[in-house]
C-alpha atoms as a PDB file:
ATOM      1  CA  MET A   1     116.586 -16.677  78.842  1.00  0.00           C
ATOM      2  CA  ILE A   2     119.314 -19.131  78.037  1.00  0.00           C
ATOM      3  CA  ALA A   3     121.066 -18.679  74.866  1.00  0.00           C
ATOM      4  CA  PRO A   4     124.179 -20.241  73.227  1.00  0.00           C
ATOM      5  CA  ARG A   5     127.393 -18.159  73.212  1.00  0.00           C
ATOM      6  CA  SER A   6     127.722 -15.891  70.296  1.00  0.00           C
ATOM      7  CA  GLY A   7     130.071 -16.690  67.454  1.00  0.00           C
ATOM      8  CA  GLY A   8     131.703 -20.035  66.544  1.00  0.00           C
ATOM      9  CA  GLY A   9     128.774 -22.133  67.553  1.00  0.00           C
ATOM     10  CA  ARG A  10     127.217 -24.706  65.239  1.00  0.00           C
ATOM     11  CA  GLY A  11     123.735 -24.848  64.146  1.00  0.00           C
ATOM     12  CA  GLY A  12     121.159 -22.176  63.311  1.00  0.00           C
ATOM     13  CA  PRO A  13     119.512 -19.610  65.322  1.00  0.00           C
ATOM     14  CA  PRO A  14     118.305 -20.603  68.830  1.00  0.00           C
ATOM     15  CA  GLN A  15     114.752 -21.837  69.155  1.00  0.00           C
ATOM     16  CA  VAL A  16     112.787 -19.397  71.372  1.00  0.00           C
ATOM     17  CA  GLY A  17     109.383 -20.380  72.710  1.00  0.00           C
ATOM     18  CA  SER A  18     106.942 -18.346  74.625  1.00  0.00           C
ATOM     19  CA  GLY A  19     109.555 -17.265  77.143  1.00  0.00           C
ATOM     20  CA  ARG A  20     107.695 -19.025  79.924  1.00  0.00           C
ATOM     21  CA  GLY A  21     109.520 -22.180  80.676  1.00  0.00           C
ATOM     22  CA  THR A  22     111.362 -24.128  83.236  1.00  0.00           C
ATOM     23  CA  LEU A  23     114.624 -25.894  82.605  1.00  0.00           C
ATOM     24  CA  ARG A  24     114.464 -29.305  84.237  1.00  0.00           C
ATOM     25  CA  LEU A  25     117.881 -31.004  84.870  1.00  0.00           C
ATOM     26  CA  ARG A  26     117.637 -34.688  85.387  1.00  0.00           C
ATOM     27  CA  SER A  27     120.182 -37.040  86.986  1.00  0.00           C
ATOM     28  CA  ARG A  28     119.275 -39.569  84.243  1.00  0.00           C
ATOM     29  CA  GLY A  29     118.441 -38.463  80.769  1.00  0.00           C
ATOM     30  CA  PRO A  30     118.714 -35.062  79.018  1.00  0.00           C
ATOM     31  CA  ALA A  31     117.685 -31.734  80.343  1.00  0.00           C
ATOM     32  CA  THR A  32     114.285 -30.550  79.154  1.00  0.00           C
ATOM     33  CA  VAL A  33     112.437 -27.218  78.997  1.00  0.00           C
ATOM     34  CA  GLU A  34     108.860 -27.465  80.178  1.00  0.00           C
ATOM     35  CA  GLU A  35     106.340 -24.796  79.406  1.00  0.00           C
ATOM     36  CA  GLN A  36     104.867 -22.914  82.392  1.00  0.00           C
ATOM     37  CA  PRO A  37     101.126 -23.159  82.785  1.00  0.00           C
ATOM     38  CA  SER A  38      98.950 -20.282  81.713  1.00  0.00           C
ATOM     39  CA  ALA A  39      97.054 -18.231  84.184  1.00  0.00           C
ATOM     40  CA  PHE A  40      93.867 -20.269  83.440  1.00  0.00           C
ATOM     41  CA  GLU A  41      95.753 -23.507  84.099  1.00  0.00           C
ATOM     42  CA  GLU A  42      97.224 -22.237  87.415  1.00  0.00           C
ATOM     43  CA  ARG A  43      93.731 -21.060  88.670  1.00  0.00           C
ATOM     44  CA  ALA A  44      92.105 -24.345  87.529  1.00  0.00           C
ATOM     45  CA  VAL A  45      94.804 -26.584  89.005  1.00  0.00           C
ATOM     46  CA  ALA A  46      94.536 -24.791  92.310  1.00  0.00           C
ATOM     47  CA  LYS A  47      90.756 -25.139  92.425  1.00  0.00           C
ATOM     48  CA  VAL A  48      90.796 -28.795  91.386  1.00  0.00           C
ATOM     49  CA  ASP A  49      93.505 -29.488  93.935  1.00  0.00           C
ATOM     50  CA  ASP A  50      91.285 -27.934  96.666  1.00  0.00           C
ATOM     51  CA  LEU A  51      88.464 -30.228  95.539  1.00  0.00           C
ATOM     52  CA  LEU A  52      90.684 -33.274  95.704  1.00  0.00           C
ATOM     53  CA  GLU A  53      91.520 -32.376  99.271  1.00  0.00           C
ATOM     54  CA  SER A  54      87.921 -31.809 100.259  1.00  0.00           C
ATOM     55  CA  TYR A  55      86.567 -34.922  98.552  1.00  0.00           C
ATOM     56  CA  MET A  56      89.449 -37.385  98.868  1.00  0.00           C
ATOM     57  CA  GLY A  57      91.678 -35.953 101.525  1.00  0.00           C
ATOM     58  CA  ILE A  58      94.670 -35.684  99.197  1.00  0.00           C
ATOM     59  CA  ARG A  59      96.671 -32.897  97.698  1.00  0.00           C
ATOM     60  CA  ASP A  60      98.181 -33.727  94.331  1.00  0.00           C
ATOM     61  CA  SER A  61      98.910 -30.906  91.937  1.00  0.00           C
ATOM     62  CA  GLU A  62     100.009 -33.312  89.161  1.00  0.00           C
ATOM     63  CA  LEU A  63      96.712 -35.233  89.308  1.00  0.00           C
ATOM     64  CA  ALA A  64      94.874 -31.876  89.400  1.00  0.00           C
ATOM     65  CA  ALA A  65      96.860 -30.731  86.345  1.00  0.00           C
ATOM     66  CA  THR A  66      96.071 -33.915  84.448  1.00  0.00           C
ATOM     67  CA  MET A  67      92.375 -33.542  85.310  1.00  0.00           C
ATOM     68  CA  VAL A  68      92.413 -29.884  84.078  1.00  0.00           C
ATOM     69  CA  GLU A  69      94.130 -30.966  80.844  1.00  0.00           C
ATOM     70  CA  LEU A  70      91.431 -33.651  80.271  1.00  0.00           C
ATOM     71  CA  GLY A  71      88.644 -31.264  81.114  1.00  0.00           C
ATOM     72  CA  ARG A  72      89.941 -28.243  79.129  1.00  0.00           C
ATOM     73  CA  ASP A  73      87.816 -29.028  76.077  1.00  0.00           C
ATOM     74  CA  ALA A  74      84.938 -30.913  77.786  1.00  0.00           C
ATOM     75  CA  ARG A  75      81.686 -29.483  76.656  1.00  0.00           C
ATOM     76  CA  ASP A  76      79.676 -30.915  79.553  1.00  0.00           C
ATOM     77  CA  PRO A  77      80.231 -32.966  82.732  1.00  0.00           C
ATOM     78  CA  ASP A  78      79.475 -36.271  80.881  1.00  0.00           C
ATOM     79  CA  ALA A  79      82.331 -35.595  78.431  1.00  0.00           C
ATOM     80  CA  LEU A  80      84.612 -34.831  81.362  1.00  0.00           C
ATOM     81  CA  ALA A  81      83.541 -38.040  83.123  1.00  0.00           C
ATOM     82  CA  GLU A  82      84.293 -40.004  80.024  1.00  0.00           C
ATOM     83  CA  ALA A  83      87.751 -38.444  79.682  1.00  0.00           C
ATOM     84  CA  LEU A  84      88.474 -39.042  83.384  1.00  0.00           C
ATOM     85  CA  ASP A  85      87.331 -42.644  83.204  1.00  0.00           C
ATOM     86  CA  SER A  86      89.475 -43.366  80.151  1.00  0.00           C
ATOM     87  CA  GLN A  87      92.654 -41.989  81.648  1.00  0.00           C
ATOM     88  CA  LEU A  88      92.094 -42.158  85.434  1.00  0.00           C
ATOM     89  CA  GLY A  89      89.420 -44.798  85.732  1.00  0.00           C
ATOM     90  CA  ASP A  90      91.185 -46.467  88.736  1.00  0.00           C
ATOM     91  CA  PHE A  91      90.170 -43.443  90.958  1.00  0.00           C
ATOM     92  CA  ALA A  92      86.391 -44.135  90.334  1.00  0.00           C
ATOM     93  CA  PHE A  93      85.574 -40.355  90.923  1.00  0.00           C
ATOM     94  CA  PRO A  94      81.945 -39.955  92.118  1.00  0.00           C
ATOM     95  CA  ASP A  95      79.603 -37.977  89.827  1.00  0.00           C
ATOM     96  CA  GLU A  96      79.215 -35.154  92.278  1.00  0.00           C
ATOM     97  CA  PHE A  97      82.998 -34.686  92.251  1.00  0.00           C
ATOM     98  CA  VAL A  98      83.260 -34.752  88.499  1.00  0.00           C
ATOM     99  CA  PHE A  99      80.490 -32.129  88.219  1.00  0.00           C
ATOM    100  CA  ASP A 100      82.373 -29.844  90.743  1.00  0.00           C
ATOM    101  CA  VAL A 101      85.661 -30.286  88.771  1.00  0.00           C
ATOM    102  CA  TRP A 102      83.877 -29.406  85.547  1.00  0.00           C
ATOM    103  CA  GLY A 103      82.461 -26.304  87.256  1.00  0.00           C
ATOM    104  CA  ALA A 104      85.897 -25.312  88.698  1.00  0.00           C
ATOM    105  CA  ILE A 105      87.412 -25.585  85.235  1.00  0.00           C
ATOM    106  CA  GLY A 106      84.688 -23.512  83.720  1.00  0.00           C
ATOM    107  CA  ASP A 107      85.046 -20.874  86.436  1.00  0.00           C
ATOM    108  CA  ALA A 108      88.753 -20.655  85.838  1.00  0.00           C
ATOM    109  CA  LYS A 109      88.246 -20.200  82.014  1.00  0.00           C
ATOM    110  CA  VAL A 110      86.106 -17.129  82.598  1.00  0.00           C
ATOM    111  CA  GLY A 111      88.205 -15.835  85.481  1.00  0.00           C
ATOM    112  CA  ARG A 112      85.732 -16.493  88.366  1.00  0.00           C
ATOM    113  CA  CYS A 113      88.129 -17.653  91.127  1.00  0.00           C
END
């Protein structure tokens, strides 16, 4: 964990999050701390990334992570399809693929991987 030097520093106590984070240093802009994905998110992203490769021939973990984020609270495949269309409509994912993504996210939630 990164903490300020003790004594003489300004400000209050350091802000500590969950302890699972990555420090991103950027050439332009400020450094940021990004939270690490949970075990569920890691499993779900891996499964969705595999589905992307099998259906579309691409591997894109960021796209898979976005799809998992959109589908995390989807109660059924139709809700997931609406969420995907609103954010990622340019991809025009087929219904069969959306159903498989919804199943992969559901499997990851209950630990079936």
